[in-house]
Amino acid sequence: MNIHLTDKKCVACEGGIPPLTKEEISAFKPQVPVWEVSSDAKSISRQFVFKDFKEALAFVNKVGAIAEEEGHHPDIKLFEYKNVLVTLSTHAINGLSENDFILAAKIDTLPI
């Protein structure tokens, strides 16, 4: 039985492990289909569009709460007053880890 990413918990990464391979990324990608893998396969990102600044900011705060709970923190950019870009990467390994996909899947559960 496959465990869905939303049922997992991020595990602290202090480095010393290799980033995910393209094959491993491909295995996780179907669970976060809207997220885009960067051309260098070192990050994943997704843009969200809201009706106004208030909704965008509320979403940023919800993402922040999930990130704190998971102990894994994305780069979040709120721009043009209603757009939010979330980028995930595991900086300690200069690439992607399972944590990035876990957090992306949990962000995808937020109402938009």
C-alpha atoms as a PDB file:
ATOM      1  CA  MET A   1       0.000   0.000   0.000  1.00  0.00           C
ATOM      2  CA  ASN A   2       1.360   3.405  -0.959  1.00  0.00           C
ATOM      3  CA  ILE A   3       1.326   6.066   1.740  1.00  0.00           C
ATOM      4  CA  HIS A   4       0.153   9.441   0.507  1.00  0.00           C
ATOM      5  CA  LEU A   5       2.571  12.323   1.061  1.00  0.00           C
ATOM      6  CA  THR A   6       0.000  14.147   3.212  1.00  0.00           C
ATOM      7  CA  ASP A   7       0.163  11.266   5.703  1.00  0.00           C
ATOM      8  CA  LYS A   8       3.901  11.714   6.185  1.00  0.00           C
ATOM      9  CA  LYS A   9       5.842  14.162   8.362  1.00  0.00           C
ATOM     10  CA  CYS A  10       8.908  16.131   7.297  1.00  0.00           C
ATOM     11  CA  VAL A  11      12.142  14.876   8.837  1.00  0.00           C
ATOM     12  CA  ALA A  12      14.891  17.330   9.722  1.00  0.00           C
ATOM     13  CA  CYS A  13      17.630  17.366   7.099  1.00  0.00           C
ATOM     14  CA  GLU A  14      21.069  18.524   8.153  1.00  0.00           C
ATOM     15  CA  GLY A  15      22.719  17.471   4.910  1.00  0.00           C
ATOM     16  CA  GLY A  16      24.863  14.439   4.288  1.00  0.00           C
ATOM     17  CA  ILE A  17      22.286  12.816   2.010  1.00  0.00           C
ATOM     18  CA  PRO A  18      22.092  13.158  -1.753  1.00  0.00           C
ATOM     19  CA  PRO A  19      19.263  15.126  -3.357  1.00  0.00           C
ATOM     20  CA  LEU A  20      16.532  13.136  -5.050  1.00  0.00           C
ATOM     21  CA  THR A  21      17.337  11.689  -8.445  1.00  0.00           C
ATOM     22  CA  LYS A  22      15.151  12.477 -11.451  1.00  0.00           C
ATOM     23  CA  GLU A  23      13.626   9.003 -11.104  1.00  0.00           C
ATOM     24  CA  GLU A  24      12.745   9.623  -7.442  1.00  0.00           C
ATOM     25  CA  ILE A  25      11.300  13.038  -8.346  1.00  0.00           C
ATOM     26  CA  SER A  26       9.176  11.361 -11.032  1.00  0.00           C
ATOM     27  CA  ALA A  27       7.810   8.934  -8.438  1.00  0.00           C
ATOM     28  CA  PHE A  28       6.630  11.785  -6.144  1.00  0.00           C
ATOM     29  CA  LYS A  29       5.422  14.144  -8.880  1.00  0.00           C
ATOM     30  CA  PRO A  30       2.018  12.475  -9.503  1.00  0.00           C
ATOM     31  CA  GLN A  31       0.984  13.373  -5.940  1.00  0.00           C
ATOM     32  CA  VAL A  32       1.662  17.086  -6.607  1.00  0.00           C
ATOM     33  CA  PRO A  33       0.806  17.365 -10.316  1.00  0.00           C
ATOM     34  CA  VAL A  34       0.391  21.155 -10.441  1.00  0.00           C
ATOM     35  CA  TRP A  35       3.852  21.851  -9.005  1.00  0.00           C
ATOM     36  CA  GLU A  36       6.612  22.512 -11.526  1.00  0.00           C
ATOM     37  CA  VAL A  37      10.069  20.999 -11.221  1.00  0.00           C
ATOM     38  CA  SER A  38      12.822  23.482 -12.042  1.00  0.00           C
ATOM     39  CA  SER A  39      15.003  22.806 -15.073  1.00  0.00           C
ATOM     40  CA  ASP A  40      17.936  21.896 -12.801  1.00  0.00           C
ATOM     41  CA  ALA A  41      15.667  19.631 -10.673  1.00  0.00           C
ATOM     42  CA  LYS A  42      16.728  21.474  -7.502  1.00  0.00           C
ATOM     43  CA  SER A  43      13.341  22.958  -6.599  1.00  0.00           C
ATOM     44  CA  ILE A  44       9.607  22.732  -7.168  1.00  0.00           C
ATOM     45  CA  SER A  45       7.262  25.689  -7.316  1.00  0.00           C
ATOM     46  CA  ARG A  46       3.644  26.608  -7.734  1.00  0.00           C
ATOM     47  CA  GLN A  47       1.913  29.929  -8.284  1.00  0.00           C
ATOM     48  CA  PHE A  48      -1.424  30.693  -6.648  1.00  0.00           C
ATOM     49  CA  VAL A  49      -3.724  33.560  -7.685  1.00  0.00           C
ATOM     50  CA  PHE A  50      -6.289  35.105  -5.359  1.00  0.00           C
ATOM     51  CA  LYS A  51      -9.013  37.695  -5.767  1.00  0.00           C
ATOM     52  CA  ASP A  52      -7.259  40.280  -3.586  1.00  0.00           C
ATOM     53  CA  PHE A  53      -4.362  41.038  -1.247  1.00  0.00           C
ATOM     54  CA  LYS A  54      -6.278  39.974   1.869  1.00  0.00           C
ATOM     55  CA  GLU A  55      -6.878  36.452   0.510  1.00  0.00           C
ATOM     56  CA  ALA A  56      -3.297  36.151  -0.729  1.00  0.00           C
ATOM     57  CA  LEU A  57      -1.905  37.208   2.653  1.00  0.00           C
ATOM     58  CA  ALA A  58      -4.198  34.817   4.520  1.00  0.00           C
ATOM     59  CA  PHE A  59      -2.931  32.002   2.291  1.00  0.00           C
ATOM     60  CA  VAL A  60       0.697  32.965   2.972  1.00  0.00           C
ATOM     61  CA  ASN A  61      -0.015  32.765   6.698  1.00  0.00           C
ATOM     62  CA  LYS A  62      -1.608  29.313   6.317  1.00  0.00           C
ATOM     63  CA  VAL A  63       1.413  28.096   4.351  1.00  0.00           C
ATOM     64  CA  GLY A  64       3.650  29.517   7.080  1.00  0.00           C
ATOM     65  CA  ALA A  65       1.730  27.645   9.765  1.00  0.00           C
ATOM     66  CA  ILE A  66       2.075  24.329   7.912  1.00  0.00           C
ATOM     67  CA  ALA A  67       5.771  25.004   7.305  1.00  0.00           C
ATOM     68  CA  GLU A  68       6.364  25.681  11.004  1.00  0.00           C
ATOM     69  CA  GLU A  69       4.475  22.537  11.972  1.00  0.00           C
ATOM     70  CA  GLU A  70       6.563  20.494   9.542  1.00  0.00           C
ATOM     71  CA  GLY A  71       9.861  22.216  10.337  1.00  0.00           C
ATOM     72  CA  HIS A  72      10.477  22.740   6.613  1.00  0.00           C
ATOM     73  CA  HIS A  73      10.317  26.258   5.230  1.00  0.00           C
ATOM     74  CA  PRO A  74       9.582  27.341   1.661  1.00  0.00           C
ATOM     75  CA  ASP A  75      10.459  30.533  -0.116  1.00  0.00           C
ATOM     76  CA  ILE A  76       7.229  32.511  -0.431  1.00  0.00           C
ATOM     77  CA  LYS A  77       6.801  35.519  -2.691  1.00  0.00           C
ATOM     78  CA  LEU A  78       3.612  37.628  -2.633  1.00  0.00           C
ATOM     79  CA  PHE A  79       3.626  39.873  -5.691  1.00  0.00           C
ATOM     80  CA  GLU A  80       1.319  42.045  -7.772  1.00  0.00           C
ATOM     81  CA  TYR A  81      -0.920  42.200  -4.669  1.00  0.00           C
ATOM     82  CA  LYS A  82      -2.760  38.916  -5.285  1.00  0.00           C
ATOM     83  CA  ASN A  83      -0.217  36.370  -6.554  1.00  0.00           C
ATOM     84  CA  VAL A  84       1.747  33.980  -4.360  1.00  0.00           C
ATOM     85  CA  LEU A  85       4.709  31.925  -5.575  1.00  0.00           C
ATOM     86  CA  VAL A  86       5.819  29.089  -3.302  1.00  0.00           C
ATOM     87  CA  THR A  87       9.183  27.467  -4.007  1.00  0.00           C
ATOM     88  CA  LEU A  88      10.440  24.408  -2.175  1.00  0.00           C
ATOM     89  CA  SER A  89      13.987  23.119  -1.998  1.00  0.00           C
ATOM     90  CA  THR A  90      16.107  21.507   0.685  1.00  0.00           C
ATOM     91  CA  HIS A  91      18.929  23.995   1.091  1.00  0.00           C
ATOM     92  CA  ALA A  92      21.060  21.670   3.240  1.00  0.00           C
ATOM     93  CA  ILE A  93      21.487  19.312   0.263  1.00  0.00           C
ATOM     94  CA  ASN A  94      21.193  21.901  -2.519  1.00  0.00           C
ATOM     95  CA  GLY A  95      18.321  20.041  -4.131  1.00  0.00           C
ATOM     96  CA  LEU A  96      15.049  18.262  -3.564  1.00  0.00           C
ATOM     97  CA  SER A  97      14.200  15.884  -0.751  1.00  0.00           C
ATOM     98  CA  GLU A  98      11.036  14.008   0.128  1.00  0.00           C
ATOM     99  CA  ASN A  99      10.278  16.860   2.566  1.00  0.00           C
ATOM    100  CA  ASP A 100       9.695  19.222  -0.348  1.00  0.00           C
ATOM    101  CA  PHE A 101       7.054  16.935  -1.806  1.00  0.00           C
ATOM    102  CA  ILE A 102       5.436  16.322   1.595  1.00  0.00           C
ATOM    103  CA  LEU A 103       5.094  20.058   2.180  1.00  0.00           C
ATOM    104  CA  ALA A 104       3.829  20.666  -1.373  1.00  0.00           C
ATOM    105  CA  ALA A 105       1.147  18.003  -0.907  1.00  0.00           C
ATOM    106  CA  LYS A 106       0.071  19.534   2.394  1.00  0.00           C
ATOM    107  CA  ILE A 107      -0.056  23.026   0.850  1.00  0.00           C
ATOM    108  CA  ASP A 108      -2.264  21.569  -1.891  1.00  0.00           C
ATOM    109  CA  THR A 109      -4.858  20.655   0.752  1.00  0.00           C
ATOM    110  CA  LEU A 110      -5.408  24.320   1.644  1.00  0.00           C
ATOM    111  CA  PRO A 111      -8.568  25.888   0.269  1.00  0.00           C
ATOM    112  CA  ILE A 112      -7.863  28.389  -2.503  1.00  0.00           C
END
